N, C-alpha and C. Protein backbone atom coordinates (compact mmCIF):
# COMPACT_ATOMS: atom_id res chain seq x y z
N UNK A 1 -15.60 -15.66 -7.24
CA UNK A 1 -14.59 -15.97 -8.50
C UNK A 1 -14.41 -14.35 -9.31
N UNK A 2 -15.32 -13.92 -9.96
CA UNK A 2 -15.45 -13.00 -10.95
C UNK A 2 -15.11 -11.49 -10.50
N UNK A 3 -15.66 -11.63 -8.95
CA UNK A 3 -15.08 -10.29 -8.60
C UNK A 3 -13.40 -10.05 -8.38
N UNK A 4 -12.85 -11.36 -7.92
CA UNK A 4 -11.67 -11.73 -8.04
C UNK A 4 -10.80 -11.21 -9.37
N UNK A 5 -11.22 -11.61 -10.26
CA UNK A 5 -10.64 -12.02 -11.72
C UNK A 5 -10.72 -9.93 -11.75
N UNK A 6 -12.07 -8.98 -11.41
CA UNK A 6 -11.77 -7.95 -11.85
C UNK A 6 -10.48 -7.44 -11.13
N UNK A 7 -10.42 -7.65 -10.09
CA UNK A 7 -9.70 -7.06 -9.22
C UNK A 7 -8.17 -7.27 -9.78
N UNK A 8 -8.00 -8.56 -10.43
CA UNK A 8 -7.08 -8.60 -10.64
C UNK A 8 -6.68 -8.30 -12.25
N UNK A 9 -7.69 -7.86 -12.67
CA UNK A 9 -7.20 -7.23 -13.88
C UNK A 9 -7.20 -5.93 -14.18
N UNK A 10 -7.43 -5.23 -12.53
CA UNK A 10 -7.67 -3.70 -12.17
C UNK A 10 -6.06 -3.55 -12.05
N UNK A 11 -5.73 -4.17 -11.60
CA UNK A 11 -4.08 -4.83 -10.97
C UNK A 11 -3.31 -4.92 -11.83
N UNK A 12 -3.35 -5.57 -13.39
CA UNK A 12 -2.81 -5.73 -14.27
C UNK A 12 -2.63 -4.31 -14.98
N UNK A 13 -3.80 -3.45 -14.81
CA UNK A 13 -3.61 -2.39 -15.72
C UNK A 13 -3.19 -1.29 -15.15
N UNK A 14 -2.90 -1.50 -13.69
CA UNK A 14 -2.25 -0.44 -12.84
C UNK A 14 -0.76 -0.83 -13.07
N UNK A 15 -0.64 -2.00 -13.07
CA UNK A 15 0.89 -2.39 -13.43
C UNK A 15 1.43 -1.80 -15.01
N UNK A 16 0.60 -1.78 -15.82
CA UNK A 16 0.86 -1.41 -17.43
C UNK A 16 1.28 -0.01 -17.25
N UNK A 17 0.37 0.87 -16.39
CA UNK A 17 0.22 2.37 -16.62
C UNK A 17 1.52 2.62 -15.59
N UNK A 18 1.80 1.71 -14.64
CA UNK A 18 2.82 2.41 -13.82
C UNK A 18 4.31 2.81 -14.92
N UNK A 19 4.55 2.06 -15.82
CA UNK A 19 5.64 2.42 -16.57
C UNK A 19 5.86 3.28 -16.76
N UNK A 20 4.19 3.69 -17.70
CA UNK A 20 4.51 5.23 -18.47
C UNK A 20 4.36 6.26 -17.17
N UNK A 21 3.57 6.46 -16.11
CA UNK A 21 3.72 6.98 -14.99
C UNK A 21 5.21 7.52 -14.89
N UNK A 22 6.13 6.46 -14.48
CA UNK A 22 7.47 6.70 -14.29
C UNK A 22 8.18 7.03 -15.09
N UNK A 23 7.69 7.38 -16.14
CA UNK A 23 8.61 7.82 -17.61
C UNK A 23 8.24 9.61 -17.48
N UNK A 24 6.76 9.46 -17.47
CA UNK A 24 6.16 10.88 -17.26
C UNK A 24 6.53 11.80 -16.38
N UNK A 25 6.67 11.27 -15.22
CA UNK A 25 7.38 12.24 -14.24
C UNK A 25 8.27 13.24 -14.32
N UNK A 26 8.81 12.84 -14.90
CA UNK A 26 9.82 14.03 -15.22
C UNK A 26 9.37 14.78 -16.29
N UNK A 27 8.35 14.99 -16.40
CA UNK A 27 7.91 16.37 -17.78
C UNK A 27 6.17 16.36 -17.39
N UNK A 28 6.13 15.87 -16.17
CA UNK A 28 4.73 16.45 -15.68
C UNK A 28 4.51 17.74 -15.60
N UNK A 29 3.15 18.02 -15.87
CA UNK A 29 2.79 19.53 -16.30
C UNK A 29 2.19 19.69 -14.77
N UNK A 30 1.58 18.71 -13.62
CA UNK A 30 1.37 19.42 -12.38
C UNK A 30 2.16 19.97 -11.54
N UNK A 31 3.62 20.30 -11.77
CA UNK A 31 4.45 20.83 -10.92
C UNK A 31 5.87 21.31 -12.21
N UNK A 32 6.13 22.88 -11.53
CA UNK A 32 7.07 23.37 -12.52
C UNK A 32 8.19 23.44 -11.69
N UNK A 33 8.64 22.80 -10.30
CA UNK A 33 9.81 22.86 -9.60
C UNK A 33 9.75 20.96 -9.05
N UNK A 34 11.10 21.07 -8.57
CA UNK A 34 11.36 19.69 -8.33
C UNK A 34 10.84 20.04 -6.57
N UNK A 35 10.13 19.27 -5.80
CA UNK A 35 9.23 18.94 -4.50
C UNK A 35 10.68 19.13 -3.79
N UNK A 36 10.46 19.69 -2.53
CA UNK A 36 11.64 19.89 -1.55
C UNK A 36 11.54 18.48 -0.85
N UNK A 37 12.34 18.39 -0.06
CA UNK A 37 13.02 16.76 0.92
C UNK A 37 11.76 17.15 1.90
N UNK A 38 10.66 18.08 2.59
CA UNK A 38 9.75 18.27 3.40
C UNK A 38 8.67 18.39 2.81
N UNK A 39 8.42 18.48 1.73
CA UNK A 39 7.33 18.27 0.89
C UNK A 39 6.51 17.49 0.95
N UNK A 40 4.79 17.03 0.91
CA UNK A 40 4.02 16.08 1.06
C UNK A 40 4.40 14.91 -0.41
N UNK A 41 4.64 15.60 -1.49
CA UNK A 41 5.14 14.84 -2.60
C UNK A 41 6.27 13.56 -1.91
N UNK A 42 7.63 14.56 -1.66
CA UNK A 42 8.58 13.51 -1.29
C UNK A 42 8.08 12.70 0.21
N UNK A 43 7.10 13.39 1.00
CA UNK A 43 6.72 12.41 2.57
C UNK A 43 6.09 11.42 1.88
N UNK A 44 5.29 11.68 1.13
CA UNK A 44 4.30 10.57 0.42
C UNK A 44 4.83 9.39 0.26
N UNK A 45 6.07 9.75 -1.23
CA UNK A 45 6.55 8.76 -1.81
C UNK A 45 7.58 8.07 -0.50
N UNK A 46 8.11 8.87 0.62
CA UNK A 46 8.80 7.62 1.42
C UNK A 46 8.08 6.86 2.37
N UNK A 47 6.84 7.43 2.84
CA UNK A 47 5.79 6.60 3.80
C UNK A 47 5.41 5.47 3.23
N UNK A 48 4.63 5.95 1.58
CA UNK A 48 3.98 5.09 1.02
C UNK A 48 4.80 3.51 0.76
N UNK A 49 6.55 4.07 0.58
CA UNK A 49 7.38 3.08 0.13
C UNK A 49 7.36 2.31 1.32
N UNK A 50 7.32 2.65 2.47
CA UNK A 50 7.78 1.58 3.55
C UNK A 50 6.23 0.73 4.00
N UNK A 51 4.93 1.60 3.74
CA UNK A 51 3.61 1.14 3.83
C UNK A 51 4.07 -0.38 3.04
N UNK A 52 3.98 0.10 1.63
CA UNK A 52 4.14 -0.99 0.82
C UNK A 52 4.42 -2.00 1.06
N UNK A 53 6.40 -2.25 1.18
CA UNK A 53 6.62 -3.18 1.82
C UNK A 53 6.27 -3.97 2.19
N UNK A 54 5.64 -3.56 3.49
CA UNK A 54 5.05 -4.71 4.28
C UNK A 54 3.72 -5.23 3.68
N UNK A 55 3.34 -4.90 3.09
CA UNK A 55 2.17 -5.42 2.46
C UNK A 55 2.50 -6.35 1.33
N UNK A 56 3.77 -6.58 0.89
CA UNK A 56 4.47 -7.42 -0.01
C UNK A 56 5.06 -8.29 0.89
N UNK A 57 5.34 -8.24 1.72
CA UNK A 57 5.78 -9.10 2.78
C UNK A 57 4.95 -9.98 3.38
N UNK A 58 3.44 -9.57 3.80
CA UNK A 58 2.59 -9.95 4.62
C UNK A 58 2.01 -11.08 3.41
N UNK A 59 1.84 -10.19 2.12
CA UNK A 59 1.22 -11.34 1.11
C UNK A 59 2.32 -12.25 1.03
N UNK A 60 3.49 -12.15 0.70
CA UNK A 60 4.20 -13.62 0.64
C UNK A 60 4.38 -14.71 1.75
N UNK A 61 3.89 -13.94 2.97
CA UNK A 61 3.50 -14.74 3.90
C UNK A 61 2.51 -15.81 3.98
N UNK A 62 1.17 -15.16 3.66
CA UNK A 62 0.24 -15.76 3.47
C UNK A 62 0.01 -16.98 2.06
N UNK A 63 1.16 -16.69 0.98
CA UNK A 63 0.66 -17.66 -0.08
C UNK A 63 1.69 -19.07 0.48
N UNK A 64 2.25 -19.04 1.47
CA UNK A 64 3.19 -19.79 1.82
C UNK A 64 2.40 -20.66 2.67
N UNK A 65 1.31 -20.11 3.36
CA UNK A 65 0.66 -20.71 4.67
C UNK A 65 -0.93 -21.23 4.37
N UNK A 66 -1.18 -21.12 2.79
CA UNK A 66 -2.33 -21.35 2.37
C UNK A 66 -2.58 -22.06 1.35
N UNK A 67 -3.54 -23.02 0.81
CA UNK A 67 -3.62 -23.34 -0.54
C UNK A 67 -4.79 -23.16 -0.91
N UNK A 68 -5.54 -22.04 -0.59
CA UNK A 68 -6.78 -21.31 -0.99
C UNK A 68 -6.32 -20.50 -2.35
N UNK A 69 -6.84 -21.05 -3.49
CA UNK A 69 -6.26 -20.04 -5.07
C UNK A 69 -7.12 -18.31 -4.73
N UNK A 70 -7.97 -18.10 -4.13
CA UNK A 70 -8.78 -16.89 -4.27
C UNK A 70 -7.81 -16.15 -3.24
N UNK A 71 -7.12 -16.24 -1.94
CA UNK A 71 -6.32 -15.94 -1.35
C UNK A 71 -5.14 -15.73 -2.03
N UNK A 72 -4.63 -16.90 -2.53
CA UNK A 72 -3.24 -16.92 -2.71
C UNK A 72 -3.22 -15.67 -4.03
N UNK A 73 -4.23 -16.10 -5.19
CA UNK A 73 -4.40 -14.90 -6.20
C UNK A 73 -4.27 -13.49 -5.46
N UNK A 74 -5.19 -13.26 -4.90
CA UNK A 74 -5.19 -11.85 -4.17
C UNK A 74 -3.64 -11.47 -3.39
N UNK A 75 -3.30 -12.40 -2.73
CA UNK A 75 -2.22 -11.86 -2.12
C UNK A 75 -0.94 -11.44 -3.18
N UNK A 76 -0.71 -12.20 -4.38
CA UNK A 76 -0.12 -12.46 -5.87
C UNK A 76 -0.66 -10.76 -6.13
N UNK A 77 -1.34 -10.54 -6.59
CA UNK A 77 -1.59 -9.36 -6.83
C UNK A 77 -1.52 -7.55 -6.13
N UNK A 78 -1.52 -8.23 -4.70
CA UNK A 78 -1.23 -7.22 -3.95
C UNK A 78 0.62 -6.98 -3.94
N UNK A 79 0.92 -8.35 -3.79
CA UNK A 79 2.52 -8.22 -3.62
C UNK A 79 2.83 -7.34 -5.37
N UNK A 80 2.54 -7.75 -6.42
CA UNK A 80 3.02 -7.48 -7.55
C UNK A 80 2.87 -5.68 -7.70
N UNK A 81 1.57 -5.29 -7.45
CA UNK A 81 0.98 -3.88 -7.54
C UNK A 81 1.72 -3.23 -6.75
N UNK A 82 1.79 -3.54 -5.67
CA UNK A 82 2.66 -2.46 -4.91
C UNK A 82 3.94 -2.76 -4.51
N UNK A 83 4.62 -4.17 -5.10
CA UNK A 83 6.29 -3.76 -5.52
C UNK A 83 6.52 -3.28 -6.32
N UNK A 84 5.69 -2.70 -7.33
CA UNK A 84 5.61 -2.42 -8.13
C UNK A 84 5.59 -0.64 -8.29
N UNK A 85 4.67 -0.14 -7.40
CA UNK A 85 4.62 1.38 -6.95
C UNK A 85 5.44 1.66 -5.99
N UNK A 86 5.98 0.77 -5.10
CA UNK A 86 7.22 0.75 -4.50
C UNK A 86 8.14 1.37 -5.21
N UNK A 87 8.37 0.66 -6.15
CA UNK A 87 9.84 1.02 -7.06
C UNK A 87 9.39 2.74 -7.55
N UNK A 88 8.07 2.90 -8.37
CA UNK A 88 8.22 4.07 -8.95
C UNK A 88 8.20 5.13 -7.66
N UNK A 89 7.74 4.86 -6.51
CA UNK A 89 7.96 5.79 -5.83
C UNK A 89 9.27 6.26 -4.95
N UNK A 90 10.20 5.68 -5.16
CA UNK A 90 11.65 5.46 -4.37
C UNK A 90 12.45 5.78 -6.01
N UNK A 91 11.85 5.61 -7.09
CA UNK A 91 12.66 6.10 -8.48
C UNK A 91 12.21 7.79 -8.68
N UNK A 92 11.27 8.12 -8.10
CA UNK A 92 10.92 9.24 -8.01
C UNK A 92 11.67 10.01 -7.21
N UNK A 93 11.82 9.79 -6.00
CA UNK A 93 13.35 10.32 -4.77
C UNK A 93 14.68 10.57 -5.87
N UNK A 94 15.01 9.36 -6.25
CA UNK A 94 16.16 9.08 -6.97
C UNK A 94 16.19 10.42 -7.94
N UNK A 95 15.37 10.55 -9.22
CA UNK A 95 14.87 11.76 -9.85
C UNK A 95 14.98 12.89 -9.17
N UNK A 96 14.29 13.24 -8.28
CA UNK A 96 14.55 14.57 -7.77
C UNK A 96 15.74 14.54 -6.73
N UNK A 97 16.43 13.83 -6.48
CA UNK A 97 17.79 13.79 -5.87
C UNK A 97 17.43 14.30 -4.06
N UNK A 98 16.04 13.51 -3.86
CA UNK A 98 15.60 13.27 -2.61
C UNK A 98 16.28 12.57 -1.80
N UNK A 99 16.23 12.51 -0.17
CA UNK A 99 16.88 11.42 0.70
C UNK A 99 15.65 10.00 0.48
N UNK A 100 15.52 8.83 0.46
CA UNK A 100 14.84 7.76 0.70
C UNK A 100 13.94 7.91 2.42
N UNK A 101 15.12 8.59 3.28
CA UNK A 101 14.88 8.49 4.43
C UNK A 101 14.82 9.78 5.19
N UNK A 102 14.08 10.07 6.19
CA UNK A 102 14.05 11.31 6.92
C UNK A 102 13.97 11.03 8.03
N UNK A 103 14.88 12.31 9.03
CA UNK A 103 14.94 12.67 10.33
C UNK A 103 13.57 12.83 10.96
N UNK A 104 12.56 12.88 10.34
CA UNK A 104 11.20 13.57 10.48
C UNK A 104 10.13 12.45 10.91
N UNK A 105 9.29 12.03 11.85
CA UNK A 105 8.48 10.58 12.15
C UNK A 105 7.67 10.69 10.78
N UNK A 106 7.57 9.68 10.67
CA UNK A 106 6.25 9.03 9.55
C UNK A 106 5.18 9.83 9.68
N UNK A 107 4.87 10.75 8.06
CA UNK A 107 3.39 11.16 8.50
C UNK A 107 3.51 12.83 8.36
N UNK A 108 4.64 12.98 8.95
CA UNK A 108 4.78 14.42 9.24
C UNK A 108 4.22 15.51 8.11
N UNK A 109 4.28 14.91 6.71
CA UNK A 109 3.73 15.58 5.36
C UNK A 109 2.00 16.00 5.83
N UNK A 110 1.72 14.96 6.55
CA UNK A 110 0.11 15.27 6.96
C UNK A 110 -0.29 15.63 7.77
N UNK A 111 0.71 16.16 8.71
CA UNK A 111 0.37 16.86 10.16
C UNK A 111 0.14 15.82 10.78
N UNK A 112 0.81 14.77 10.84
CA UNK A 112 0.03 13.96 12.05
C UNK A 112 1.13 13.19 12.18
N UNK A 113 2.52 13.30 12.29
CA UNK A 113 3.78 12.77 13.12
C UNK A 113 3.35 12.12 14.02
N UNK A 114 2.65 13.04 15.22
CA UNK A 114 2.31 12.68 16.60
C UNK A 114 1.86 11.39 16.29
N UNK A 115 1.18 10.59 15.53
CA UNK A 115 0.36 9.35 15.57
C UNK A 115 1.41 8.50 15.27
N UNK A 116 2.44 8.60 14.55
CA UNK A 116 3.47 7.81 14.06
C UNK A 116 4.47 7.14 15.38
N UNK A 117 3.96 6.42 15.81
CA UNK A 117 4.41 5.58 17.14
C UNK A 117 5.97 4.91 17.38
N UNK A 118 5.48 4.13 15.87
CA UNK A 118 6.82 2.81 15.76
C UNK A 118 6.63 2.00 16.97
N UNK A 119 5.49 1.86 17.58
CA UNK A 119 5.36 1.06 18.46
C UNK A 119 5.48 -0.71 17.92
N UNK A 120 6.25 -1.35 18.06
CA UNK A 120 6.30 -2.81 18.15
C UNK A 120 6.31 -2.84 16.30
N UNK A 121 7.00 -1.96 15.75
CA UNK A 121 7.19 -2.03 14.44
C UNK A 121 5.98 -1.47 13.52
N UNK A 122 4.82 -0.64 13.92
CA UNK A 122 3.78 -0.37 13.56
C UNK A 122 4.04 1.02 13.19
N UNK A 123 4.55 1.19 12.47
CA UNK A 123 5.42 3.06 11.77
C UNK A 123 4.24 3.72 11.60
N UNK A 124 3.48 3.24 11.03
CA UNK A 124 2.35 3.99 10.59
C UNK A 124 0.46 3.39 10.84
N UNK A 125 -0.47 4.37 11.19
CA UNK A 125 -1.72 3.79 11.22
C UNK A 125 -1.80 2.76 9.81
N UNK A 126 -2.57 1.48 10.40
CA UNK A 126 -3.10 0.47 9.74
C UNK A 126 -1.35 -0.59 9.31
N UNK A 127 -0.31 -0.43 9.39
CA UNK A 127 0.55 -1.20 9.60
C UNK A 127 0.70 -2.19 10.61
N UNK A 128 1.15 -3.51 10.64
CA UNK A 128 0.58 -4.89 11.18
C UNK A 128 1.97 -4.68 12.38
N UNK A 129 2.11 -5.37 13.29
CA UNK A 129 2.99 -5.13 14.19
C UNK A 129 4.21 -6.04 14.20
N UNK A 130 5.42 -6.15 14.57
CA UNK A 130 6.06 -7.28 14.37
C UNK A 130 5.41 -8.55 15.37
N UNK A 131 5.09 -8.34 16.42
CA UNK A 131 4.15 -9.82 17.07
C UNK A 131 3.26 -10.11 15.89
N UNK A 132 2.50 -9.60 15.23
CA UNK A 132 1.72 -9.53 14.60
C UNK A 132 2.01 -10.86 12.81
N UNK A 133 3.04 -9.89 12.28
CA UNK A 133 3.69 -10.74 11.84
C UNK A 133 4.30 -12.38 11.85
N UNK A 134 4.95 -12.08 13.15
CA UNK A 134 5.54 -13.47 13.57
C UNK A 134 4.02 -14.22 13.61
N UNK A 135 2.84 -13.79 14.30
CA UNK A 135 1.87 -14.83 14.38
C UNK A 135 1.76 -15.27 13.40
N UNK A 136 0.99 -14.26 11.96
CA UNK A 136 0.76 -14.80 10.70
C UNK A 136 1.84 -15.83 10.27
N UNK A 137 2.70 -15.95 10.43
CA UNK A 137 3.76 -16.82 10.19
C UNK A 137 3.71 -18.10 10.84
N UNK A 138 2.90 -18.24 11.35
CA UNK A 138 2.47 -19.56 12.43
C UNK A 138 1.63 -19.93 12.22
N UNK A 139 0.37 -19.75 11.38
CA UNK A 139 -1.05 -20.03 11.23
C UNK A 139 -0.71 -20.81 10.02
N UNK A 140 -1.67 -21.40 9.52
CA UNK A 140 -2.41 -22.44 8.49
C UNK A 140 -3.71 -22.40 8.07
N UNK A 141 -3.88 -22.49 6.67
CA UNK A 141 -5.28 -22.74 6.51
C UNK A 141 -5.95 -21.44 6.35
N UNK A 142 -7.07 -21.52 6.83
CA UNK A 142 -8.41 -20.90 7.18
C UNK A 142 -7.95 -19.81 8.71
N UNK A 143 -6.95 -20.31 9.33
CA UNK A 143 -6.79 -19.07 10.35
C UNK A 143 -5.94 -18.53 9.62
N UNK A 144 -4.69 -18.59 8.62
CA UNK A 144 -3.77 -18.06 8.08
C UNK A 144 -4.46 -16.73 6.84
N UNK A 145 -5.59 -17.29 6.66
CA UNK A 145 -6.62 -16.43 5.60
C UNK A 145 -7.25 -15.59 6.45
N UNK A 146 -8.04 -15.93 7.63
CA UNK A 146 -8.57 -14.85 8.17
C UNK A 146 -7.37 -13.68 8.73
N UNK A 147 -6.40 -14.10 9.39
CA UNK A 147 -5.89 -13.25 9.87
C UNK A 147 -5.17 -12.35 8.70
N UNK A 148 -4.60 -12.78 7.76
CA UNK A 148 -4.60 -12.26 6.58
C UNK A 148 -5.15 -10.88 6.26
N UNK A 149 -6.57 -11.58 5.93
CA UNK A 149 -7.56 -10.80 5.77
C UNK A 149 -7.80 -9.15 6.26
N UNK A 150 -7.61 -9.95 7.76
CA UNK A 150 -7.85 -8.70 9.08
C UNK A 150 -6.71 -7.71 8.58
N UNK A 151 -6.03 -8.32 8.46
CA UNK A 151 -4.62 -7.50 8.46
C UNK A 151 -3.99 -6.70 7.56
N UNK A 152 -4.34 -7.31 6.36
CA UNK A 152 -4.73 -6.42 5.05
C UNK A 152 -5.91 -5.45 4.47
N UNK A 153 -6.82 -5.74 5.47
CA UNK A 153 -8.31 -5.03 5.62
C UNK A 153 -7.54 -3.51 5.95
N UNK A 154 -6.65 -3.94 7.51
CA UNK A 154 -6.35 -2.59 8.53
C UNK A 154 -5.33 -1.93 7.50
N UNK A 155 -4.24 -2.51 6.83
CA UNK A 155 -3.27 -2.57 6.34
C UNK A 155 -3.77 -1.43 4.83
N UNK A 156 -4.99 -1.84 4.14
CA UNK A 156 -5.73 -0.98 3.08
C UNK A 156 -6.34 0.13 3.82
N UNK A 157 -6.79 0.12 4.83
CA UNK A 157 -7.40 1.40 5.39
C UNK A 157 -6.47 2.40 5.48
N UNK A 158 -4.98 2.46 6.26
CA UNK A 158 -4.09 3.50 6.42
C UNK A 158 -3.31 3.97 5.32
N UNK A 159 -3.56 2.86 4.63
CA UNK A 159 -2.91 3.23 2.47
C UNK A 159 -3.99 3.93 2.04
N UNK A 160 -4.87 4.19 2.48
CA UNK A 160 -6.51 4.72 1.37
C UNK A 160 -6.24 5.89 2.32
N UNK A 161 -6.49 6.19 3.45
CA UNK A 161 -6.04 7.31 4.41
C UNK A 161 -4.57 8.66 3.83
N UNK A 162 -3.35 7.54 3.53
CA UNK A 162 -2.47 8.63 3.15
C UNK A 162 -2.37 8.80 2.10
N UNK A 163 -2.94 7.95 0.66
CA UNK A 163 -2.97 8.43 -0.42
C UNK A 163 -4.14 9.49 -0.58
N UNK A 164 -5.33 9.45 0.31
CA UNK A 164 -6.17 10.58 0.44
C UNK A 164 -5.20 11.93 0.84
N UNK A 165 -4.65 11.65 1.45
CA UNK A 165 -3.43 13.04 1.57
C UNK A 165 -2.89 13.41 0.96
N UNK A 166 -2.43 12.44 -0.51
CA UNK A 166 -1.25 13.08 -1.34
C UNK A 166 -2.06 13.72 -2.17
N UNK A 167 -3.15 13.16 -2.74
CA UNK A 167 -4.03 13.66 -3.80
C UNK A 167 -4.87 15.13 -3.13
N UNK A 168 -4.60 15.03 -1.70
CA UNK A 168 -5.33 16.93 -1.22
C UNK A 168 -3.78 17.86 -1.04
N UNK A 169 -2.52 17.22 -1.03
CA UNK A 169 -1.56 17.64 -0.89
C UNK A 169 -0.34 17.95 -1.75
N UNK A 170 -0.28 16.88 -2.42
CA UNK A 170 1.10 16.65 -3.50
C UNK A 170 0.61 18.08 -4.52
N UNK A 171 1.80 18.01 -5.14
CA UNK A 171 1.88 19.23 -6.34
C UNK A 171 2.29 18.16 -7.37
N UNK A 172 2.70 17.38 -7.78
CA UNK A 172 3.23 16.29 -8.95
C UNK A 172 1.63 15.74 -9.67
N UNK A 173 1.76 16.05 -10.58
CA UNK A 173 0.27 15.91 -11.00
C UNK A 173 0.62 14.13 -11.31
N UNK A 174 1.16 13.43 -11.63
CA UNK A 174 1.53 12.16 -12.13
C UNK A 174 1.25 11.15 -10.53
N UNK A 175 1.79 12.09 -9.24
CA UNK A 175 1.78 11.44 -8.51
C UNK A 175 0.86 11.19 -7.64
N UNK A 176 -0.39 12.30 -7.61
CA UNK A 176 -1.07 12.68 -7.32
C UNK A 176 -2.40 11.56 -7.87
N UNK A 177 -2.42 11.64 -9.33
CA UNK A 177 -2.80 10.20 -9.79
C UNK A 177 -3.11 9.39 -9.60
N UNK A 178 -1.71 8.71 -9.45
CA UNK A 178 -1.06 7.54 -9.22
C UNK A 178 -1.95 7.28 -7.19
N UNK A 179 -1.68 8.17 -6.57
CA UNK A 179 -2.43 8.31 -5.07
C UNK A 179 -4.15 7.83 -5.49
N UNK A 180 -4.27 8.79 -6.33
CA UNK A 180 -6.07 8.44 -6.57
C UNK A 180 -6.02 6.99 -6.68
N UNK A 181 -5.78 6.52 -7.47
CA UNK A 181 -5.83 5.12 -8.38
C UNK A 181 -5.44 4.09 -7.52
N UNK A 182 -4.62 4.38 -6.23
CA UNK A 182 -4.42 3.50 -4.81
C UNK A 182 -5.64 3.67 -3.76
N UNK A 183 -6.08 4.94 -4.20
CA UNK A 183 -7.27 4.79 -3.38
C UNK A 183 -8.38 3.90 -3.92
N UNK A 184 -8.77 3.92 -5.30
CA UNK A 184 -9.74 3.71 -5.97
C UNK A 184 -9.34 1.78 -5.81
N UNK A 185 -8.25 1.60 -5.98
CA UNK A 185 -7.94 0.00 -5.91
C UNK A 185 -8.09 -0.51 -4.72
N UNK A 186 -7.19 0.34 -3.35
CA UNK A 186 -7.63 -0.54 -2.27
C UNK A 186 -9.02 -0.55 -1.96
N UNK A 187 -9.42 0.43 -1.98
CA UNK A 187 -11.12 0.34 -1.57
C UNK A 187 -11.70 -0.85 -1.97
N UNK A 188 -11.53 -1.01 -3.90
CA UNK A 188 -11.75 -2.15 -3.83
C UNK A 188 -11.73 -3.15 -3.35
N UNK A 189 -10.21 -3.56 -3.06
CA UNK A 189 -10.05 -4.82 -2.46
C UNK A 189 -10.35 -5.12 -0.89
N UNK A 190 -10.32 -3.85 -0.36
CA UNK A 190 -11.36 -4.02 1.22
C UNK A 190 -12.84 -4.85 1.18
N UNK A 191 -13.40 -4.19 -0.35
CA UNK A 191 -14.51 -4.96 -0.46
C UNK A 191 -14.57 -6.09 -0.42
N UNK A 192 -13.46 -6.66 -1.34
CA UNK A 192 -13.45 -8.18 -1.89
C UNK A 192 -13.17 -8.87 -0.66
N UNK A 193 -11.88 -7.83 0.29
CA UNK A 193 -11.50 -8.82 1.26
C UNK A 193 -12.51 -9.15 2.80
N UNK A 194 -13.53 -8.27 2.75
CA UNK A 194 -14.80 -8.22 3.49
C UNK A 194 -15.62 -9.69 2.59
N UNK A 195 -15.98 -9.87 2.11
CA UNK A 195 -16.52 -10.57 1.09
C UNK A 195 -15.64 -12.33 1.41
N UNK A 196 -14.49 -12.21 1.36
CA UNK A 196 -13.58 -13.18 1.90
C UNK A 196 -13.84 -13.68 3.17
N UNK A 197 -13.66 -12.76 4.44
CA UNK A 197 -14.08 -12.85 5.46
C UNK A 197 -15.38 -13.48 5.81
N UNK A 198 -16.28 -13.05 4.92
CA UNK A 198 -17.55 -13.48 5.44
C UNK A 198 -17.68 -14.85 4.68
N UNK A 199 -17.12 -15.40 3.76
CA UNK A 199 -17.36 -16.82 3.38
C UNK A 199 -16.62 -17.69 4.29
N UNK A 200 -15.82 -17.02 5.28
CA UNK A 200 -14.87 -18.01 6.05
C UNK A 200 -15.64 -17.62 7.66
N UNK A 201 -17.01 -16.78 7.29
CA UNK A 201 -17.80 -16.77 8.90
C UNK A 201 -16.65 -16.21 9.81
N UNK A 202 -16.29 -15.02 9.20
CA UNK A 202 -15.70 -14.21 10.21
C UNK A 202 -15.30 -12.45 9.47
N UNK A 203 -14.82 -11.51 10.21
CA UNK A 203 -15.29 -10.21 9.78
C UNK A 203 -14.04 -9.39 10.14
N UNK A 204 -13.66 -8.26 9.22
CA UNK A 204 -12.99 -7.32 10.15
C UNK A 204 -12.58 -7.11 11.15
N UNK A 205 -11.47 -6.71 11.55
CA UNK A 205 -11.39 -6.25 13.00
C UNK A 205 -12.29 -4.98 13.32
N UNK A 206 -12.49 -4.67 14.75
CA UNK A 206 -13.19 -3.36 14.91
C UNK A 206 -12.16 -2.37 14.81
C-alpha cells in the first residue's frame, strides 16, 4: 500500500507540473524553431498520444471489472496521468500548427516504421490487440486484475522505449523533459505491477 501511495503521489506531482509545461513550451529554450511535421518532436507527440489513449481505455475497463482497491487506484492514476499528458501532446501539435495524424507508419521518427504492423489494432510495440481488449472486458476479479497488469506491463515497456527515443531525438526541451518523466514514472509502475502480479501468484508475460 505504501509503494502504491508513492506512485500515486508521483502521478499527482506530474499532473501539477504538466500544466506549467504546457504553457512553457511556447517559450522553451531548448529549440529556437518550430518542429517540422516529420520531426521526432512531432512524431513522438502523435504516436504517444495514440499509445496513451489505449492505456486510458484499458484502465477504465479494469476499474469496472474488479473491486480490488490497489488495482483500481493504480488504474485511476494511469488513466488520469496519461489522459493529461495526451492532452499536452495534442496541444503542442496545435501550437506548432502540425497535423495530429501522418501518412507515415507509427514510429517512423524512431527509424522503426517497419515494426508498426497495426495487426489487430496493435499499432505500436507494447499495445494490446483488439482481441486482448475484448477479452479484458469479459473477465472479472482476480483474472481481470492479472490480465490487466500483464497487458499494462507490456504497454509501459513499449511506452518507455518510445519515451527514451524522444529523450535521444527530440529537440524541444520541455518535451524531452516530459519524455524523461514518462520513463521514470512508467518504470516505477512496471515494478509495482510486478509486485502486484506476484501477490496474485502470477508474473509478467514473457
